[in-house]
Amino acid sequence: MADALDSPGADGPAANRGPSPRQLVRLGAAASLVFAVAVFVLQNRDSVPVEFLSFSFDVPLVLLVLVAAVAGVVVQWMLRVWRHRRRR
């Protein structure tokens, strides 16, 4: 006697369709973002001099841009939290 799991179509009609169009779009967007970041990193590996207060040092440009972007996200998040608490 054949087991129900061995019969074709036992997993349902969607078992062999592959990724949905939405999943393909997300995968394409993620791949594009990874490619863009890789190109950005490869093109901005040079070190730049940074002077802050009495400190002076050389930093890779990509690291400097990353720190500025993270600082911007943190400031935006803090402003959102502050505005949300003011409304209460």
C-alpha atoms as a PDB file:
ATOM      1  CA  MET A   1       0.000   0.000   0.000  1.00  0.00           C
ATOM      2  CA  ALA A   2       1.435   3.361  -1.020  1.00  0.00           C
ATOM      3  CA  ASP A   3       1.937   6.023   1.599  1.00  0.00           C
ATOM      4  CA  ALA A   4       0.059   9.334   1.137  1.00  0.00           C
ATOM      5  CA  LEU A   5       3.352  11.258   1.219  1.00  0.00           C
ATOM      6  CA  ASP A   6       4.712   9.287  -1.754  1.00  0.00           C
ATOM      7  CA  SER A   7       1.891  10.207  -4.101  1.00  0.00           C
ATOM      8  CA  PRO A   8       2.411  13.086  -6.532  1.00  0.00           C
ATOM      9  CA  GLY A   9       0.671  16.283  -5.517  1.00  0.00           C
ATOM     10  CA  ALA A  10       0.556  15.335  -1.849  1.00  0.00           C
ATOM     11  CA  ASP A  11       2.190  18.636  -0.900  1.00  0.00           C
ATOM     12  CA  GLY A  12      -0.551  20.670  -2.552  1.00  0.00           C
ATOM     13  CA  PRO A  13      -0.691  22.647  -5.755  1.00  0.00           C
ATOM     14  CA  ALA A  14       1.857  25.285  -4.693  1.00  0.00           C
ATOM     15  CA  ALA A  15       4.615  22.831  -3.744  1.00  0.00           C
ATOM     16  CA  ASN A  16       6.611  23.049  -7.011  1.00  0.00           C
ATOM     17  CA  ARG A  17       5.865  26.588  -8.187  1.00  0.00           C
ATOM     18  CA  GLY A  18       9.016  28.243  -6.859  1.00  0.00           C
ATOM     19  CA  PRO A  19       9.327  31.774  -5.463  1.00  0.00           C
ATOM     20  CA  SER A  20       6.425  34.175  -5.813  1.00  0.00           C
ATOM     21  CA  PRO A  21       6.788  37.409  -7.825  1.00  0.00           C
ATOM     22  CA  ARG A  22       6.921  39.408  -4.581  1.00  0.00           C
ATOM     23  CA  GLN A  23       9.785  37.248  -3.320  1.00  0.00           C
ATOM     24  CA  LEU A  24      11.642  37.715  -6.606  1.00  0.00           C
ATOM     25  CA  VAL A  25      11.242  41.501  -6.386  1.00  0.00           C
ATOM     26  CA  ARG A  26      12.535  41.486  -2.808  1.00  0.00           C
ATOM     27  CA  LEU A  27      15.459  39.283  -3.795  1.00  0.00           C
ATOM     28  CA  GLY A  28      16.274  41.583  -6.712  1.00  0.00           C
ATOM     29  CA  ALA A  29      16.089  44.670  -4.483  1.00  0.00           C
ATOM     30  CA  ALA A  30      18.331  43.047  -1.873  1.00  0.00           C
ATOM     31  CA  ALA A  31      20.854  41.971  -4.524  1.00  0.00           C
ATOM     32  CA  SER A  32      20.870  45.492  -6.003  1.00  0.00           C
ATOM     33  CA  LEU A  33      21.451  47.015  -2.577  1.00  0.00           C
ATOM     34  CA  VAL A  34      24.311  44.620  -1.815  1.00  0.00           C
ATOM     35  CA  PHE A  35      25.868  45.410  -5.202  1.00  0.00           C
ATOM     36  CA  ALA A  36      25.532  49.176  -4.664  1.00  0.00           C
ATOM     37  CA  VAL A  37      27.118  48.951  -1.200  1.00  0.00           C
ATOM     38  CA  ALA A  38      29.977  46.827  -2.553  1.00  0.00           C
ATOM     39  CA  VAL A  39      30.673  49.360  -5.320  1.00  0.00           C
ATOM     40  CA  PHE A  40      30.511  52.220  -2.792  1.00  0.00           C
ATOM     41  CA  VAL A  41      32.982  50.480  -0.478  1.00  0.00           C
ATOM     42  CA  LEU A  42      35.399  49.664  -3.296  1.00  0.00           C
ATOM     43  CA  GLN A  43      35.340  53.229  -4.632  1.00  0.00           C
ATOM     44  CA  ASN A  44      35.780  54.925  -1.233  1.00  0.00           C
ATOM     45  CA  ARG A  45      38.635  53.037   0.392  1.00  0.00           C
ATOM     46  CA  ASP A  46      40.960  56.041   0.526  1.00  0.00           C
ATOM     47  CA  SER A  47      41.769  57.530   3.910  1.00  0.00           C
ATOM     48  CA  VAL A  48      40.850  61.132   4.635  1.00  0.00           C
ATOM     49  CA  PRO A  49      42.191  63.370   7.412  1.00  0.00           C
ATOM     50  CA  VAL A  50      39.672  64.167  10.154  1.00  0.00           C
ATOM     51  CA  GLU A  51      40.103  66.903  12.721  1.00  0.00           C
ATOM     52  CA  PHE A  52      37.726  66.987  15.687  1.00  0.00           C
ATOM     53  CA  LEU A  53      38.374  69.333  18.588  1.00  0.00           C
ATOM     54  CA  SER A  54      42.068  68.762  19.329  1.00  0.00           C
ATOM     55  CA  PHE A  55      42.203  65.301  17.745  1.00  0.00           C
ATOM     56  CA  SER A  56      43.518  64.606  14.267  1.00  0.00           C
ATOM     57  CA  PHE A  57      43.519  61.222  12.545  1.00  0.00           C
ATOM     58  CA  ASP A  58      43.075  59.478   9.200  1.00  0.00           C
ATOM     59  CA  VAL A  59      39.936  57.422   8.593  1.00  0.00           C
ATOM     60  CA  PRO A  60      38.737  55.491   5.534  1.00  0.00           C
ATOM     61  CA  LEU A  61      36.076  57.577   3.804  1.00  0.00           C
ATOM     62  CA  VAL A  62      33.586  54.700   3.776  1.00  0.00           C
ATOM     63  CA  LEU A  63      33.848  54.418   7.577  1.00  0.00           C
ATOM     64  CA  LEU A  64      33.319  58.148   7.978  1.00  0.00           C
ATOM     65  CA  VAL A  65      30.182  58.061   5.794  1.00  0.00           C
ATOM     66  CA  LEU A  66      28.892  55.006   7.684  1.00  0.00           C
ATOM     67  CA  VAL A  67      29.352  56.731  11.058  1.00  0.00           C
ATOM     68  CA  ALA A  68      27.562  59.848   9.769  1.00  0.00           C
ATOM     69  CA  ALA A  69      24.657  57.748   8.449  1.00  0.00           C
ATOM     70  CA  VAL A  70      24.295  55.841  11.719  1.00  0.00           C
ATOM     71  CA  ALA A  71      24.413  59.115  13.674  1.00  0.00           C
ATOM     72  CA  GLY A  72      21.641  60.492  11.447  1.00  0.00           C
ATOM     73  CA  VAL A  73      19.470  57.424  12.059  1.00  0.00           C
ATOM     74  CA  VAL A  74      20.015  57.674  15.814  1.00  0.00           C
ATOM     75  CA  VAL A  75      19.116  61.390  15.867  1.00  0.00           C
ATOM     76  CA  GLN A  76      15.979  60.729  13.806  1.00  0.00           C
ATOM     77  CA  TRP A  77      14.951  57.899  16.144  1.00  0.00           C
ATOM     78  CA  MET A  78      15.542  60.090  19.213  1.00  0.00           C
ATOM     79  CA  LEU A  79      13.409  62.891  17.743  1.00  0.00           C
ATOM     80  CA  ARG A  80      10.594  60.446  17.008  1.00  0.00           C
ATOM     81  CA  VAL A  81      10.668  59.106  20.554  1.00  0.00           C
ATOM     82  CA  TRP A  82      10.725  62.653  21.962  1.00  0.00           C
ATOM     83  CA  ARG A  83       7.762  63.742  19.805  1.00  0.00           C
ATOM     84  CA  HIS A  84       5.825  60.611  20.717  1.00  0.00           C
ATOM     85  CA  ARG A  85       6.351  61.221  24.439  1.00  0.00           C
ATOM     86  CA  ARG A  86       5.324  64.886  24.112  1.00  0.00           C
ATOM     87  CA  ARG A  87       1.963  63.879  22.620  1.00  0.00           C
ATOM     88  CA  ARG A  88       1.027  61.819  25.683  1.00  0.00           C
END
